[in-house]
Structure formats: C-alpha cells, structure tokens
C-alpha cells in the first residue's frame, strides 16, 4: 500500500472535522482519517518528508 495522496486525504479530513463538530486537535483528526481509510502502521509510521510531497 502506498501513502495516500493529498487529494485522497481531503474528503476523509473534512468528514473527520464534521464528526468532531468543526474542529479538533491534529491527533484527533489524524486518528479519524487513519481509521476511515484503514491505514496500516507501515503507512502511518512514515515520517513526513516535504521533499517527497504527494501534493502536485
């Protein structure tokens, strides 16, 4: 499984914010998105690298 791209994360992020009442901590939002997309630890444990951004 590959890291989801920016556009694949947008709708689950917006849904997470809606479920959280319009705001949430980064951790709350991330956990909701991880759960919604059923992302494995192999994906979620990768450190962020802005040099290899999936946003294009």
PDB file of N, CA and C in Angstrom:
ATOM      1  N   UNK A   1       0.834  -1.179   0.000  1.00  0.00           N
ATOM      2  CA  UNK A   1       0.000   0.000   0.000  1.00  0.00           C
ATOM      3  C   UNK A   1       0.879   1.242   0.000  1.00  0.00           C
ATOM      4  N   UNK A   2       0.496   2.235  -0.786  1.00  0.00           N
ATOM      5  CA  UNK A   2       1.252   3.484  -0.876  1.00  0.00           C
ATOM      6  C   UNK A   2       0.623   4.558  -0.003  1.00  0.00           C
ATOM      7  N   UNK A   3       1.429   5.556   0.300  1.00  0.00           N
ATOM      8  CA  UNK A   3       0.951   6.706   1.048  1.00  0.00           C
ATOM      9  C   UNK A   3      -0.169   7.377   0.245  1.00  0.00           C
ATOM     10  N   UNK A   4      -1.320   7.648   0.871  1.00  0.00           N
ATOM     11  CA  UNK A   4      -2.399   8.329   0.140  1.00  0.00           C
ATOM     12  C   UNK A   4      -1.956   9.729  -0.283  1.00  0.00           C
ATOM     13  N   UNK A   5      -2.426  10.161  -1.428  1.00  0.00           N
ATOM     14  CA  UNK A   5      -2.089  11.488  -1.939  1.00  0.00           C
ATOM     15  C   UNK A   5      -2.956  12.542  -1.247  1.00  0.00           C
ATOM     16  N   UNK A   6      -2.556  13.769  -1.396  1.00  0.00           N
ATOM     17  CA  UNK A   6      -3.270  14.909  -0.813  1.00  0.00           C
ATOM     18  C   UNK A   6      -4.758  14.864  -1.147  1.00  0.00           C
ATOM     19  N   UNK A   7      -5.077  14.658  -2.426  1.00  0.00           N
ATOM     20  CA  UNK A   7      -6.484  14.665  -2.837  1.00  0.00           C
ATOM     21  C   UNK A   7      -7.273  13.487  -2.253  1.00  0.00           C
ATOM     22  N   UNK A   8      -6.616  12.368  -2.002  1.00  0.00           N
ATOM     23  CA  UNK A   8      -7.290  11.211  -1.399  1.00  0.00           C
ATOM     24  C   UNK A   8      -7.558  11.433   0.094  1.00  0.00           C
ATOM     25  N   UNK A   9      -6.788  12.318   0.709  1.00  0.00           N
ATOM     26  CA  UNK A   9      -6.945  12.597   2.137  1.00  0.00           C
ATOM     27  C   UNK A   9      -7.942  13.713   2.423  1.00  0.00           C
ATOM     28  N   UNK A  10      -8.253  14.551   1.430  1.00  0.00           N
ATOM     29  CA  UNK A  10      -9.073  15.738   1.661  1.00  0.00           C
ATOM     30  C   UNK A  10     -10.477  15.398   2.159  1.00  0.00           C
ATOM     31  N   UNK A  11     -11.211  14.538   1.468  1.00  0.00           N
ATOM     32  CA  UNK A  11     -12.585  14.224   1.868  1.00  0.00           C
ATOM     33  C   UNK A  11     -12.629  13.555   3.243  1.00  0.00           C
ATOM     34  N   UNK A  12     -11.782  12.551   3.526  1.00  0.00           N
ATOM     35  CA  UNK A  12     -11.792  11.979   4.876  1.00  0.00           C
ATOM     36  C   UNK A  12     -11.439  13.002   5.963  1.00  0.00           C
ATOM     37  N   UNK A  13     -10.577  13.966   5.635  1.00  0.00           N
ATOM     38  CA  UNK A  13     -10.233  15.007   6.595  1.00  0.00           C
ATOM     39  C   UNK A  13     -11.432  15.900   6.882  1.00  0.00           C
ATOM     40  N   UNK A  14     -12.144  16.291   5.830  1.00  0.00           N
ATOM     41  CA  UNK A  14     -13.334  17.116   6.016  1.00  0.00           C
ATOM     42  C   UNK A  14     -14.417  16.368   6.786  1.00  0.00           C
ATOM     43  N   UNK A  15     -14.578  15.091   6.500  1.00  0.00           N
ATOM     44  CA  UNK A  15     -15.553  14.273   7.230  1.00  0.00           C
ATOM     45  C   UNK A  15     -15.165  14.153   8.703  1.00  0.00           C
ATOM     46  N   UNK A  16     -13.869  14.007   8.975  1.00  0.00           N
ATOM     47  CA  UNK A  16     -13.399  13.926  10.355  1.00  0.00           C
ATOM     48  C   UNK A  16     -13.725  15.217  11.091  1.00  0.00           C
ATOM     49  N   UNK A  17     -13.484  16.350  10.458  1.00  0.00           N
ATOM     50  CA  UNK A  17     -13.801  17.634  11.076  1.00  0.00           C
ATOM     51  C   UNK A  17     -15.295  17.775  11.343  1.00  0.00           C
ATOM     52  N   UNK A  18     -16.090  17.304  10.420  1.00  0.00           N
ATOM     53  CA  UNK A  18     -17.544  17.349  10.613  1.00  0.00           C
ATOM     54  C   UNK A  18     -17.950  16.495  11.815  1.00  0.00           C
ATOM     55  N   UNK A  19     -17.402  15.283  11.896  1.00  0.00           N
ATOM     56  CA  UNK A  19     -17.717  14.380  13.005  1.00  0.00           C
ATOM     57  C   UNK A  19     -17.245  14.950  14.345  1.00  0.00           C
ATOM     58  N   UNK A  20     -16.176  15.726  14.318  1.00  0.00           N
ATOM     59  CA  UNK A  20     -15.623  16.308  15.539  1.00  0.00           C
ATOM     60  C   UNK A  20     -16.272  17.649  15.895  1.00  0.00           C
ATOM     61  N   UNK A  21     -17.295  18.024  15.167  1.00  0.00           N
ATOM     62  CA  UNK A  21     -18.006  19.257  15.478  1.00  0.00           C
ATOM     63  C   UNK A  21     -17.387  20.509  14.895  1.00  0.00           C
ATOM     64  N   UNK A  22     -16.538  20.366  13.893  1.00  0.00           N
ATOM     65  CA  UNK A  22     -15.974  21.522  13.212  1.00  0.00           C
ATOM     66  C   UNK A  22     -14.537  21.835  13.573  1.00  0.00           C
ATOM     67  N   UNK A  23     -14.031  21.231  14.634  1.00  0.00           N
ATOM     68  CA  UNK A  23     -12.630  21.440  14.982  1.00  0.00           C
ATOM     69  C   UNK A  23     -12.136  20.248  15.787  1.00  0.00           C
ATOM     70  N   UNK A  24     -10.832  20.102  15.803  1.00  0.00           N
ATOM     71  CA  UNK A  24     -10.223  19.020  16.558  1.00  0.00           C
ATOM     72  C   UNK A  24      -8.722  19.189  16.576  1.00  0.00           C
ATOM     73  N   UNK A  25      -8.080  18.477  17.473  1.00  0.00           N
ATOM     74  CA  UNK A  25      -6.621  18.523  17.508  1.00  0.00           C
ATOM     75  C   UNK A  25      -6.077  17.774  16.292  1.00  0.00           C
ATOM     76  N   UNK A  26      -4.833  18.016  15.982  1.00  0.00           N
ATOM     77  CA  UNK A  26      -4.200  17.312  14.866  1.00  0.00           C
ATOM     78  C   UNK A  26      -4.294  15.802  15.100  1.00  0.00           C
ATOM     79  N   UNK A  27      -4.054  15.388  16.326  1.00  0.00           N
ATOM     80  CA  UNK A  27      -4.102  13.959  16.651  1.00  0.00           C
ATOM     81  C   UNK A  27      -5.507  13.388  16.457  1.00  0.00           C
ATOM     82  N   UNK A  28      -6.543  14.108  16.880  1.00  0.00           N
ATOM     83  CA  UNK A  28      -7.917  13.636  16.708  1.00  0.00           C
ATOM     84  C   UNK A  28      -8.276  13.502  15.234  1.00  0.00           C
ATOM     85  N   UNK A  29      -7.905  14.508  14.460  1.00  0.00           N
ATOM     86  CA  UNK A  29      -8.206  14.491  13.021  1.00  0.00           C
ATOM     87  C   UNK A  29      -7.436  13.362  12.344  1.00  0.00           C
ATOM     88  N   UNK A  30      -6.153  13.250  12.640  1.00  0.00           N
ATOM     89  CA  UNK A  30      -5.326  12.202  12.036  1.00  0.00           C
ATOM     90  C   UNK A  30      -5.862  10.820  12.383  1.00  0.00           C
ATOM     91  N   UNK A  31      -6.208  10.593  13.638  1.00  0.00           N
ATOM     92  CA  UNK A  31      -6.725   9.285  14.034  1.00  0.00           C
ATOM     93  C   UNK A  31      -8.025   8.952  13.320  1.00  0.00           C
ATOM     94  N   UNK A  32      -8.874   9.935  13.141  1.00  0.00           N
ATOM     95  CA  UNK A  32     -10.128   9.720  12.436  1.00  0.00           C
ATOM     96  C   UNK A  32      -9.885   9.358  10.970  1.00  0.00           C
ATOM     97  N   UNK A  33      -8.963  10.064  10.330  1.00  0.00           N
ATOM     98  CA  UNK A  33      -8.643   9.791   8.924  1.00  0.00           C
ATOM     99  C   UNK A  33      -7.989   8.410   8.787  1.00  0.00           C
ATOM    100  N   UNK A  34      -7.070   8.090   9.682  1.00  0.00           N
ATOM    101  CA  UNK A  34      -6.406   6.782   9.663  1.00  0.00           C
ATOM    102  C   UNK A  34      -7.434   5.669   9.784  1.00  0.00           C
ATOM    103  N   UNK A  35      -8.372   5.851  10.684  1.00  0.00           N
ATOM    104  CA  UNK A  35      -9.412   4.840  10.888  1.00  0.00           C
ATOM    105  C   UNK A  35     -10.340   4.756   9.666  1.00  0.00           C
ATOM    106  N   UNK A  36     -10.745   5.898   9.126  1.00  0.00           N
ATOM    107  CA  UNK A  36     -11.655   5.923   7.978  1.00  0.00           C
ATOM    108  C   UNK A  36     -11.041   5.243   6.754  1.00  0.00           C
ATOM    109  N   UNK A  37      -9.728   5.437   6.563  1.00  0.00           N
ATOM    110  CA  UNK A  37      -9.063   4.851   5.401  1.00  0.00           C
ATOM    111  C   UNK A  37      -8.432   3.494   5.705  1.00  0.00           C
ATOM    112  N   UNK A  38      -8.549   3.078   6.976  1.00  0.00           N
ATOM    113  CA  UNK A  38      -7.989   1.789   7.396  1.00  0.00           C
ATOM    114  C   UNK A  38      -6.514   1.687   7.011  1.00  0.00           C
ATOM    115  N   UNK A  39      -5.761   2.731   7.355  1.00  0.00           N
ATOM    116  CA  UNK A  39      -4.343   2.786   7.001  1.00  0.00           C
ATOM    117  C   UNK A  39      -3.515   1.934   7.960  1.00  0.00           C
ATOM    118  N   UNK A  40      -2.626   1.106   7.437  1.00  0.00           N
ATOM    119  CA  UNK A  40      -1.792   0.262   8.295  1.00  0.00           C
ATOM    120  C   UNK A  40      -0.650   1.059   8.942  1.00  0.00           C
ATOM    121  N   UNK A  41      -0.081   0.499   9.994  1.00  0.00           N
ATOM    122  CA  UNK A  41       1.041   1.131  10.691  1.00  0.00           C
ATOM    123  C   UNK A  41       2.215   1.408   9.758  1.00  0.00           C
ATOM    124  N   UNK A  42       2.405   0.560   8.768  1.00  0.00           N
ATOM    125  CA  UNK A  42       3.517   0.749   7.830  1.00  0.00           C
ATOM    126  C   UNK A  42       3.400   2.090   7.099  1.00  0.00           C
ATOM    127  N   UNK A  43       2.190   2.566   6.915  1.00  0.00           N
ATOM    128  CA  UNK A  43       1.964   3.854   6.261  1.00  0.00           C
ATOM    129  C   UNK A  43       1.989   4.978   7.280  1.00  0.00           C
ATOM    130  N   UNK A  44       1.273   4.813   8.377  1.00  0.00           N
ATOM    131  CA  UNK A  44       1.124   5.904   9.341  1.00  0.00           C
ATOM    132  C   UNK A  44       2.387   6.190  10.141  1.00  0.00           C
ATOM    133  N   UNK A  45       3.318   5.266  10.172  1.00  0.00           N
ATOM    134  CA  UNK A  45       4.545   5.481  10.944  1.00  0.00           C
ATOM    135  C   UNK A  45       5.658   6.139  10.123  1.00  0.00           C
ATOM    136  N   UNK A  46       5.415   6.373   8.833  1.00  0.00           N
ATOM    137  CA  UNK A  46       6.428   7.014   7.996  1.00  0.00           C
ATOM    138  C   UNK A  46       6.533   8.495   8.344  1.00  0.00           C
ATOM    139  N   UNK A  47       7.746   8.994   8.550  1.00  0.00           N
ATOM    140  CA  UNK A  47       7.900  10.420   8.846  1.00  0.00           C
ATOM    141  C   UNK A  47       7.581  11.265   7.610  1.00  0.00           C
ATOM    142  N   UNK A  48       7.116  12.464   7.858  1.00  0.00           N
ATOM    143  CA  UNK A  48       6.799  13.393   6.777  1.00  0.00           C
ATOM    144  C   UNK A  48       8.091  13.883   6.127  1.00  0.00           C
ATOM    145  N   UNK A  49       8.120  13.894   4.810  1.00  0.00           N
ATOM    146  CA  UNK A  49       9.268  14.390   4.072  1.00  0.00           C
ATOM    147  C   UNK A  49       8.764  15.391   3.038  1.00  0.00           C
ATOM    148  N   UNK A  50       8.863  16.682   3.302  1.00  0.00           N
ATOM    149  CA  UNK A  50       8.356  17.681   2.359  1.00  0.00           C
ATOM    150  C   UNK A  50       9.034  17.625   0.986  1.00  0.00           C
ATOM    151  N   UNK A  51      10.220  17.029   0.918  1.00  0.00           N
ATOM    152  CA  UNK A  51      10.904  16.887  -0.360  1.00  0.00           C
ATOM    153  C   UNK A  51      10.183  15.901  -1.283  1.00  0.00           C
ATOM    154  N   UNK A  52       9.433  14.988  -0.685  1.00  0.00           N
ATOM    155  CA  UNK A  52       8.716  13.968  -1.459  1.00  0.00           C
ATOM    156  C   UNK A  52       7.214  14.117  -1.274  1.00  0.00           C
ATOM    157  N   UNK A  53       6.728  15.331  -1.309  1.00  0.00           N
ATOM    158  CA  UNK A  53       5.317  15.615  -1.116  1.00  0.00           C
ATOM    159  C   UNK A  53       4.486  14.967  -2.218  1.00  0.00           C
ATOM    160  N   UNK A  54       3.301  14.454  -1.842  1.00  0.00           N
ATOM    161  CA  UNK A  54       2.398  13.886  -2.840  1.00  0.00           C
ATOM    162  C   UNK A  54       1.449  14.931  -3.387  1.00  0.00           C
ATOM    163  N   UNK A  55       1.540  16.160  -2.890  1.00  0.00           N
ATOM    164  CA  UNK A  55       0.697  17.243  -3.386  1.00  0.00           C
ATOM    165  C   UNK A  55       1.348  17.851  -4.625  1.00  0.00           C
ATOM    166  N   UNK A  56       0.684  17.743  -5.750  1.00  0.00           N
ATOM    167  CA  UNK A  56       1.238  18.272  -7.008  1.00  0.00           C
ATOM    168  C   UNK A  56       0.195  19.015  -7.772  1.00  0.00           C
TER     169      UNK A  56
END
